[in-house]
């Protein structure tokens, strides 16, 4: 696991933080607090209204529409018919990513995370477009496609926010997990593949537990926010197979080590420690674990 000097865990039920486990930024001081600070517990008690999550319904609707189109195209033209659907999915994914930007800003503001990263929507839009294109080409008409698309669209934003702030909102993790599990259950029913569904849940739970133990031993590396996000991401890989799950364990950590090494090399001697969010590596590693041939690391 890559080393980090900044915890990327969650404070109470609010936001992951690089501050001291008890404090996150705020504009209203409480009694006995320094001005400009509020306890993490106070931030955690701020629950977003249900209307905040309405854009996620739009993401799910678009994901299901893409799946229906892919299922029809694959049924008529097999793999060759997916290219046009994948291209449409890329455009739809970019549009969906931009559409949920206000929701991301609201969730960040709610738990005292700087909203500046949410003003830069081009990065998440391009990343989501690429992931949606690849997901259509890999899944085809399989019913797991809506789950993959929805989880990708929301997880990319989590990774983007984590990259700039070293923390991301716990409500966002809950939303990603709930949407992924709901659509995963739909996939089990439609494809009549309970074995894949069970494997996905077991894989997610196993890797979640492993990361949690490691975070406890290392006192916050990876952070608890990353640990929670790892469940639904690994479950997405678990639908494919156990060898892919092994890749999902290896790749994020390999990428993180490489990223830290590159930063230290090009940062010169002034860089003694490297602060980084682990969520981007989790998302990229998950995508590669699904896309790469199973067992590639054994070659």
Protein backbone atom coordinates (compact mmCIF):
# COMPACT_ATOMS: atom_id res chain seq x y z
CA UNK A 1 0.00 0.00 0.00
CA UNK A 2 1.35 3.39 -0.90
CA UNK A 3 2.43 5.75 1.85
CA UNK A 4 0.54 8.93 2.49
CA UNK A 5 1.04 11.67 5.08
CA UNK A 6 -2.59 12.78 4.91
CA UNK A 7 -5.54 10.75 6.11
CA UNK A 8 -8.22 10.32 3.47
CA UNK A 9 -10.77 8.93 5.90
CA UNK A 10 -14.13 10.23 6.99
CA UNK A 11 -14.81 12.35 10.03
CA UNK A 12 -17.89 11.02 11.74
CA UNK A 13 -20.62 10.91 9.09
CA UNK A 14 -19.42 13.95 7.22
CA UNK A 15 -16.37 14.32 5.04
CA UNK A 16 -13.02 12.67 4.75
CA UNK A 17 -10.41 15.06 5.99
CA UNK A 18 -6.73 15.89 6.04
CA UNK A 19 -7.14 17.77 9.30
CA UNK A 20 -6.83 16.43 12.79
CA UNK A 21 -9.72 13.91 13.06
CA UNK A 22 -11.65 16.32 15.30
CA UNK A 23 -11.93 19.39 13.12
CA UNK A 24 -13.06 20.47 9.67
CA UNK A 25 -13.35 23.94 8.23
CA UNK A 26 -16.37 26.06 9.00
CA UNK A 27 -17.39 29.69 9.16
CA UNK A 28 -19.37 29.52 12.39
CA UNK A 29 -17.43 28.85 15.62
CA UNK A 30 -19.12 26.91 18.39
CA UNK A 31 -18.75 27.39 22.09
CA UNK A 32 -15.27 26.49 23.25
CA UNK A 33 -13.92 26.29 19.69
CA UNK A 34 -11.43 28.37 17.83
CA UNK A 35 -13.11 30.76 15.38
CA UNK A 36 -13.50 29.23 11.93
CA UNK A 37 -13.67 25.62 13.15
CA UNK A 38 -16.48 23.20 13.90
CA UNK A 39 -16.30 19.73 15.31
CA UNK A 40 -16.45 16.81 12.90
CA UNK A 41 -19.48 15.49 14.75
CA UNK A 42 -21.37 18.73 14.02
CA UNK A 43 -20.48 18.46 10.32
CA UNK A 44 -21.48 14.83 10.30
CA UNK A 45 -24.96 15.56 11.67
CA UNK A 46 -25.79 17.70 8.64
CA UNK A 47 -27.85 15.43 6.43
CA UNK A 48 -28.64 16.47 2.85
CA UNK A 49 -32.34 16.63 1.94
CA UNK A 50 -33.55 13.81 -0.28
CA UNK A 51 -34.08 16.26 -3.12
CA UNK A 52 -30.30 16.64 -3.29
CA UNK A 53 -30.05 13.13 -4.69
CA UNK A 54 -32.60 13.60 -7.49
CA UNK A 55 -29.88 13.94 -10.18
CA UNK A 56 -28.87 10.35 -9.40
CA UNK A 57 -32.26 9.21 -10.68
CA UNK A 58 -31.35 10.90 -13.95
CA UNK A 59 -28.02 9.06 -14.03
CA UNK A 60 -29.81 5.76 -13.48
CA UNK A 61 -32.40 6.53 -16.16
CA UNK A 62 -29.73 7.37 -18.75
CA UNK A 63 -27.74 4.28 -17.75
CA UNK A 64 -30.76 2.02 -18.25
CA UNK A 65 -31.50 3.68 -21.62
CA UNK A 66 -27.93 3.02 -22.78
CA UNK A 67 -28.24 -0.59 -21.63
CA UNK A 68 -31.49 -1.10 -23.55
CA UNK A 69 -29.86 0.33 -26.68
CA UNK A 70 -26.78 -1.85 -26.21
CA UNK A 71 -28.92 -4.96 -25.65
CA UNK A 72 -30.86 -4.28 -28.83
CA UNK A 73 -27.73 -3.51 -30.89
CA UNK A 74 -25.86 -6.57 -29.63
CA UNK A 75 -28.87 -8.78 -30.33
CA UNK A 76 -29.04 -7.63 -33.95
CA UNK A 77 -25.41 -7.05 -34.89
CA UNK A 78 -23.44 -8.61 -32.01
CA UNK A 79 -20.16 -6.88 -31.12
CA UNK A 80 -20.08 -4.79 -34.30
CA UNK A 81 -23.33 -3.13 -33.32
CA UNK A 82 -21.93 -1.81 -30.06
CA UNK A 83 -19.62 0.81 -31.55
CA UNK A 84 -22.37 3.29 -32.30
CA UNK A 85 -24.03 2.68 -28.91
CA UNK A 86 -20.67 3.09 -27.13
CA UNK A 87 -20.08 6.39 -28.92
CA UNK A 88 -23.52 7.61 -27.90
CA UNK A 89 -22.84 6.39 -24.35
CA UNK A 90 -19.63 8.44 -24.23
CA UNK A 91 -21.54 11.61 -25.09
CA UNK A 92 -24.31 10.72 -22.65
CA UNK A 93 -21.78 10.00 -19.91
CA UNK A 94 -20.12 13.38 -20.37
CA UNK A 95 -23.50 15.12 -20.26
CA UNK A 96 -24.54 13.20 -17.14
CA UNK A 97 -21.28 14.09 -15.41
CA UNK A 98 -21.84 17.79 -16.05
CA UNK A 99 -25.48 17.50 -14.96
CA UNK A 100 -24.60 16.13 -11.51
CA UNK A 101 -22.02 18.84 -10.82
CA UNK A 102 -24.42 21.01 -8.76
CA UNK A 103 -25.24 17.98 -6.60
CA UNK A 104 -21.54 17.40 -5.96
CA UNK A 105 -21.08 21.04 -4.99
CA UNK A 106 -24.03 20.81 -2.59
CA UNK A 107 -22.69 17.66 -0.93
CA UNK A 108 -19.22 19.17 -0.55
CA UNK A 109 -20.58 22.40 0.92
CA UNK A 110 -22.77 20.45 3.33
CA UNK A 111 -19.81 18.74 4.98
CA UNK A 112 -17.40 21.65 4.76
CA UNK A 113 -15.32 20.47 1.81
CA UNK A 114 -14.05 23.19 -0.57
CA UNK A 115 -16.34 23.32 -3.61
CA UNK A 116 -13.67 24.67 -5.95
CA UNK A 117 -12.98 21.27 -7.62
CA UNK A 118 -16.64 20.95 -8.59
CA UNK A 119 -16.34 24.04 -10.77
CA UNK A 120 -13.97 22.12 -13.05
CA UNK A 121 -16.36 19.70 -14.73
CA UNK A 122 -14.33 19.00 -17.88
CA UNK A 123 -12.07 16.46 -16.15
CA UNK A 124 -14.85 14.28 -14.72
CA UNK A 125 -16.82 14.62 -17.97
CA UNK A 126 -13.95 13.31 -20.11
CA UNK A 127 -13.17 10.50 -17.65
CA UNK A 128 -16.83 9.46 -17.47
CA UNK A 129 -17.13 9.49 -21.25
CA UNK A 130 -14.17 7.12 -21.54
CA UNK A 131 -15.48 4.79 -18.85
CA UNK A 132 -18.97 4.65 -20.36
CA UNK A 133 -17.56 3.88 -23.81
CA UNK A 134 -15.43 1.07 -22.40
CA UNK A 135 -18.24 -0.31 -20.23
CA UNK A 136 -20.57 -0.67 -23.23
CA UNK A 137 -17.91 -2.40 -25.30
CA UNK A 138 -17.12 -4.84 -22.47
CA UNK A 139 -20.58 -5.53 -21.04
CA UNK A 140 -22.56 -5.34 -24.26
CA UNK A 141 -26.17 -6.14 -23.48
CA UNK A 142 -25.49 -7.68 -20.06
CA UNK A 143 -27.81 -6.37 -17.35
CA UNK A 144 -24.86 -5.33 -15.18
CA UNK A 145 -24.20 -2.42 -17.55
CA UNK A 146 -26.49 0.14 -15.81
CA UNK A 147 -24.78 -0.59 -12.48
CA UNK A 148 -21.34 -0.10 -14.01
CA UNK A 149 -22.35 3.15 -15.72
CA UNK A 150 -23.97 4.66 -12.62
CA UNK A 151 -21.13 3.70 -10.30
CA UNK A 152 -18.60 5.05 -12.80
CA UNK A 153 -20.34 8.43 -13.17
CA UNK A 154 -20.52 9.02 -9.42
CA UNK A 155 -17.17 7.48 -8.47
CA UNK A 156 -15.31 9.64 -10.95
CA UNK A 157 -16.56 12.72 -9.12
CA UNK A 158 -15.50 11.23 -5.78
CA UNK A 159 -12.03 10.62 -7.18
CA UNK A 160 -11.88 14.12 -8.68
CA UNK A 161 -12.82 15.80 -5.40
CA UNK A 162 -10.43 13.57 -3.43
CA UNK A 163 -7.57 14.45 -5.77
CA UNK A 164 -7.86 18.16 -5.01
CA UNK A 165 -9.03 18.15 -1.39
CA UNK A 166 -7.84 14.78 -0.02
CA UNK A 167 -11.39 14.10 1.16
CA UNK A 168 -14.87 13.55 -0.25
CA UNK A 169 -18.41 13.47 1.14
CA UNK A 170 -19.65 10.37 2.89
CA UNK A 171 -23.20 10.98 1.53
CA UNK A 172 -21.74 10.55 -1.94
CA UNK A 173 -20.27 7.16 -1.00
CA UNK A 174 -23.64 6.10 0.38
CA UNK A 175 -25.35 7.17 -2.83
CA UNK A 176 -22.87 5.29 -5.03
CA UNK A 177 -23.20 2.16 -2.91
CA UNK A 178 -27.00 2.23 -2.77
CA UNK A 179 -27.37 2.84 -6.51
CA UNK A 180 -24.82 0.15 -7.36
CA UNK A 181 -26.47 -2.46 -5.14
CA UNK A 182 -29.95 -1.64 -6.47
CA UNK A 183 -28.88 -1.95 -10.11
CA UNK A 184 -26.78 -5.00 -9.30
CA UNK A 185 -29.84 -6.70 -7.85
CA UNK A 186 -31.70 -5.85 -11.05
CA UNK A 187 -28.91 -7.47 -13.05
CA UNK A 188 -29.20 -10.67 -11.00
CA UNK A 189 -32.93 -10.85 -11.73
CA UNK A 190 -32.72 -9.97 -15.43
CA UNK A 191 -29.74 -12.18 -16.28
CA UNK A 192 -30.80 -14.85 -13.78
CA UNK A 193 -27.23 -15.09 -12.51
CA UNK A 194 -27.32 -15.24 -8.70
CA UNK A 195 -23.80 -16.72 -8.64
CA UNK A 196 -22.36 -13.53 -10.17
CA UNK A 197 -24.34 -11.40 -7.74
CA UNK A 198 -23.17 -13.40 -4.75
CA UNK A 199 -19.57 -13.28 -5.94
CA UNK A 200 -19.80 -9.50 -6.34
CA UNK A 201 -21.10 -8.95 -2.81
CA UNK A 202 -18.62 -11.38 -1.24
CA UNK A 203 -15.72 -9.81 -3.14
CA UNK A 204 -16.76 -6.30 -2.12
CA UNK A 205 -17.15 -7.30 1.52
CA UNK A 206 -13.83 -9.17 1.60
CA UNK A 207 -11.80 -6.32 0.13
CA UNK A 208 -13.65 -3.79 2.29
CA UNK A 209 -12.70 -5.81 5.39
CA UNK A 210 -9.09 -6.15 4.21
CA UNK A 211 -8.70 -2.42 3.61
CA UNK A 212 -10.38 -1.68 6.94
CA UNK A 213 -7.95 -3.90 8.83
CA UNK A 214 -5.03 -2.33 6.99
CA UNK A 215 -6.35 1.17 7.74
CA UNK A 216 -6.62 0.33 11.44
CA UNK A 217 -3.11 -1.13 11.55
CA UNK A 218 -1.56 1.82 9.71
CA UNK A 219 -3.79 4.36 11.48
CA UNK A 220 -5.54 5.75 8.45
CA UNK A 221 -3.82 4.55 5.28
CA UNK A 222 -5.98 4.17 3.27
CA UNK A 223 -8.54 6.49 4.79
CA UNK A 224 -11.94 5.30 5.88
CA UNK A 225 -13.58 7.10 2.96
CA UNK A 226 -11.48 5.05 0.55
CA UNK A 227 -12.28 1.90 2.50
CA UNK A 228 -16.01 2.52 2.16
CA UNK A 229 -15.72 3.30 -1.55
CA UNK A 230 -13.73 0.12 -2.14
CA UNK A 231 -16.79 -2.02 -1.37
CA UNK A 232 -18.94 -1.02 -4.34
CA UNK A 233 -15.97 -0.71 -6.71
CA UNK A 234 -14.73 -4.21 -5.90
CA UNK A 235 -18.28 -5.54 -6.13
CA UNK A 236 -18.43 -4.17 -9.68
CA UNK A 237 -15.29 -6.15 -10.51
CA UNK A 238 -16.53 -9.20 -8.62
CA UNK A 239 -19.37 -9.60 -11.12
CA UNK A 240 -16.75 -10.52 -13.74
CA UNK A 241 -14.66 -13.05 -11.80
CA UNK A 242 -12.25 -13.74 -8.95
CA UNK A 243 -9.15 -13.25 -11.07
CA UNK A 244 -10.37 -9.75 -11.89
CA UNK A 245 -10.90 -9.13 -8.18
CA UNK A 246 -7.24 -10.00 -7.61
CA UNK A 247 -6.35 -7.42 -10.25
CA UNK A 248 -8.56 -4.87 -8.48
CA UNK A 249 -6.51 -5.39 -5.32
CA UNK A 250 -3.15 -5.11 -7.05
CA UNK A 251 -3.68 -2.33 -9.57
CA UNK A 252 -4.77 0.59 -7.33
CA UNK A 253 -1.81 0.02 -5.04
CA UNK A 254 0.64 -0.40 -7.91
CA UNK A 255 -0.63 2.80 -9.49
CA UNK A 256 -0.40 4.64 -6.16
CA UNK A 257 3.18 3.52 -5.61
CA UNK A 258 4.11 4.62 -9.14
CA UNK A 259 2.33 7.93 -8.65
CA UNK A 260 4.14 8.65 -5.40
CA UNK A 261 7.49 7.62 -6.89
CA UNK A 262 7.02 9.89 -9.91
CA UNK A 263 5.99 12.78 -7.67
CA UNK A 264 9.06 12.34 -5.49
CA UNK A 265 11.42 12.04 -8.47
CA UNK A 266 10.14 15.12 -10.25
CA UNK A 267 9.54 17.01 -7.01
CA UNK A 268 13.22 16.91 -6.10
CA UNK A 269 14.70 16.70 -2.62
CA UNK A 270 12.22 19.23 -1.24
CA UNK A 271 9.50 16.57 -1.32
CA UNK A 272 9.85 14.60 1.92
CA UNK A 273 6.31 13.23 2.02
CA UNK A 274 3.60 12.99 -0.58
CA UNK A 275 0.00 13.89 0.08
CA UNK A 276 -2.44 12.18 -2.25
CA UNK A 277 -5.98 10.92 -2.40
CA UNK A 278 -6.32 7.17 -2.92
CA UNK A 279 -9.76 7.32 -4.56
CA UNK A 280 -8.42 8.18 -8.05
CA UNK A 281 -6.22 5.09 -7.95
CA UNK A 282 -9.16 2.98 -6.78
CA UNK A 283 -11.33 4.12 -9.68
CA UNK A 284 -8.64 3.74 -12.35
CA UNK A 285 -7.50 0.40 -10.92
CA UNK A 286 -11.08 -0.89 -10.89
CA UNK A 287 -11.62 0.10 -14.51
CA UNK A 288 -8.40 -1.60 -15.59
CA UNK A 289 -9.23 -4.73 -13.57
CA UNK A 290 -12.46 -5.09 -15.54
CA UNK A 291 -10.91 -4.25 -18.92
CA UNK A 292 -7.69 -6.29 -18.74
CA UNK A 293 -7.68 -10.05 -19.37
CA UNK A 294 -8.17 -12.09 -16.20
CA UNK A 295 -4.87 -13.26 -14.75
CA UNK A 296 -2.72 -10.83 -16.76
CA UNK A 297 -0.51 -10.36 -13.71
CA UNK A 298 0.40 -14.08 -13.77
CA UNK A 299 2.02 -13.83 -17.21
